Amino acid sequence: MTDALSLTFSALADPTRRAILARLSEGEATVGQLAEPFDMTFAAVSKHLRVLEGAGLVTRGRNAQFRPARLDPRPLAAASDWIGGYAQFWDDSLGALDQYLNALQQLGAPTGGTAAPLEKENDHD
């Protein structure tokens, strides 16, 4: 069995599904409405919706013969929390790089662009 976070990231891996989620962030929509901006069949959009439903990112309602889809942001929040857990790593890494560059500047070493070419010693003198 695949965990919820893996299902979320798997569903988000496809750009069409991300576009569908972006559209659903504006409000619920039918399969027909979701298919409009894409060059694909209703069946293809329905397959994408099933993947999004399986990941818990979309729920489907009943409105007469229509089954409008709506965004459920909870799995996105869990993914954001997981990614956010690495913020301290990046802060620490960038902080260390900043300290290193500041130390180089204090020593007068060039920090931007390419390094100056090394001069070759002439053994013929």
Protein backbone atom coordinates (compact mmCIF):
# COMPACT_ATOMS: atom_id res chain seq x y z
CA MET A 1 0.00 0.00 0.00
CA THR A 2 1.30 3.45 -0.92
CA ASP A 3 1.30 6.19 1.69
CA ALA A 4 -0.74 9.38 1.26
CA LEU A 5 2.28 11.61 0.69
CA SER A 6 3.55 9.38 -2.13
CA LEU A 7 0.10 9.42 -3.75
CA THR A 8 0.03 13.22 -3.53
CA PHE A 9 3.44 13.67 -5.13
CA SER A 10 2.66 11.07 -7.79
CA ALA A 11 -0.56 12.90 -8.70
CA LEU A 12 1.27 16.25 -8.77
CA ALA A 13 3.96 14.87 -11.09
CA ASP A 14 1.73 15.38 -14.12
CA PRO A 15 1.38 18.95 -15.48
CA THR A 16 -2.19 18.33 -16.68
CA ARG A 17 -3.24 17.28 -13.19
CA ARG A 18 -1.54 20.34 -11.72
CA ALA A 19 -3.46 22.51 -14.20
CA ILE A 20 -6.71 20.79 -13.22
CA LEU A 21 -5.98 21.51 -9.56
CA ALA A 22 -5.23 25.14 -10.40
CA ARG A 23 -8.61 25.39 -12.14
CA LEU A 24 -10.37 23.72 -9.21
CA SER A 25 -8.77 26.20 -6.81
CA GLU A 26 -11.14 28.75 -8.42
CA GLY A 27 -14.19 26.62 -7.66
CA GLU A 28 -15.86 23.33 -8.55
CA ALA A 29 -16.11 22.27 -12.20
CA THR A 30 -17.55 19.49 -14.32
CA VAL A 31 -15.46 17.22 -16.51
CA GLY A 32 -16.58 19.23 -19.54
CA GLN A 33 -15.47 22.48 -17.98
CA LEU A 34 -12.13 20.96 -16.99
CA ALA A 35 -11.60 19.57 -20.49
CA GLU A 36 -12.13 22.93 -22.24
CA PRO A 37 -8.53 24.25 -22.10
CA PHE A 38 -7.02 20.90 -23.04
CA ASP A 39 -6.90 19.01 -26.31
CA MET A 40 -8.17 15.80 -24.76
CA THR A 41 -11.32 13.76 -24.44
CA PHE A 42 -13.66 13.76 -21.47
CA ALA A 43 -12.48 10.20 -20.81
CA ALA A 44 -8.86 11.38 -20.54
CA VAL A 45 -9.84 14.16 -18.13
CA SER A 46 -11.86 11.62 -16.12
CA LYS A 47 -8.75 9.43 -15.81
CA HIS A 48 -6.78 12.38 -14.44
CA LEU A 49 -9.61 13.10 -12.01
CA ARG A 50 -9.55 9.48 -10.79
CA VAL A 51 -5.82 9.81 -10.02
CA LEU A 52 -6.46 13.08 -8.18
CA GLU A 53 -9.36 11.47 -6.29
CA GLY A 54 -7.18 8.50 -5.37
CA ALA A 55 -4.66 10.91 -3.86
CA GLY A 56 -7.45 12.68 -1.95
CA LEU A 57 -6.85 15.94 -3.82
CA VAL A 58 -10.29 16.02 -5.46
CA THR A 59 -13.75 15.06 -4.33
CA ARG A 60 -16.73 14.54 -6.61
CA GLY A 61 -20.27 15.58 -5.81
CA ARG A 62 -23.66 14.84 -7.31
CA ASN A 63 -25.70 17.57 -8.95
CA ALA A 64 -28.42 15.91 -11.02
CA GLN A 65 -26.59 14.13 -13.84
CA PHE A 66 -23.37 16.08 -13.24
CA ARG A 67 -20.59 15.12 -10.86
CA PRO A 68 -18.71 18.36 -10.24
CA ALA A 69 -15.18 18.04 -8.94
CA ARG A 70 -13.83 20.18 -6.14
CA LEU A 71 -10.38 20.64 -4.68
CA ASP A 72 -9.56 19.17 -1.28
CA PRO A 73 -6.41 21.04 -0.18
CA ARG A 74 -5.56 18.85 2.83
CA PRO A 75 -3.09 16.59 0.97
CA LEU A 76 -1.40 19.71 -0.44
CA ALA A 77 -0.98 21.03 3.10
CA ALA A 78 0.64 17.74 4.14
CA ALA A 79 3.03 17.93 1.16
CA SER A 80 3.84 21.55 1.97
CA ASP A 81 4.56 20.61 5.59
CA TRP A 82 6.89 17.82 4.45
CA ILE A 83 8.77 20.14 2.07
CA GLY A 84 8.85 22.85 4.72
CA GLY A 85 10.71 20.45 6.97
CA TYR A 86 13.72 21.00 4.76
CA ALA A 87 13.65 24.79 5.18
CA GLN A 88 16.12 24.58 8.09
CA PHE A 89 18.51 22.55 5.91
CA TRP A 90 18.42 25.20 3.17
CA ASP A 91 18.72 28.04 5.66
CA ASP A 92 21.76 26.37 7.23
CA SER A 93 23.32 25.59 3.84
CA LEU A 94 22.82 29.08 2.47
CA GLY A 95 24.03 30.58 5.75
CA ALA A 96 27.23 28.55 5.54
CA LEU A 97 27.75 29.64 1.92
CA ASP A 98 27.20 33.27 2.93
CA GLN A 99 29.78 32.93 5.72
CA TYR A 100 32.26 31.36 3.31
CA LEU A 101 31.81 34.14 0.74
CA ASN A 102 32.16 36.79 3.43
CA ALA A 103 35.40 35.15 4.61
CA LEU A 104 36.71 35.16 1.03
CA GLN A 105 35.88 38.84 0.71
CA GLN A 106 37.71 39.57 3.95
CA LEU A 107 40.80 37.85 2.51
CA GLY A 108 40.50 39.87 -0.69
CA ALA A 109 39.83 36.82 -2.86
CA PRO A 110 37.60 37.34 -5.91
CA THR A 111 34.09 35.95 -5.30
CA GLY A 112 32.29 36.65 -8.56
CA GLY A 113 32.75 35.38 -12.09
CA THR A 114 35.55 33.07 -12.99
CA ALA A 115 38.75 32.65 -11.06
CA ALA A 116 41.80 34.54 -12.27
CA PRO A 117 44.16 32.36 -14.34
CA LEU A 118 47.22 31.12 -12.52
CA GLU A 119 50.53 32.47 -13.75
CA LYS A 120 52.94 29.82 -14.95
CA GLU A 121 56.49 29.98 -13.69
CA ASN A 122 59.14 30.22 -16.34
CA ASP A 123 61.77 27.51 -15.79
CA HIS A 124 64.07 29.01 -18.44
CA ASP A 125 65.40 31.90 -16.31
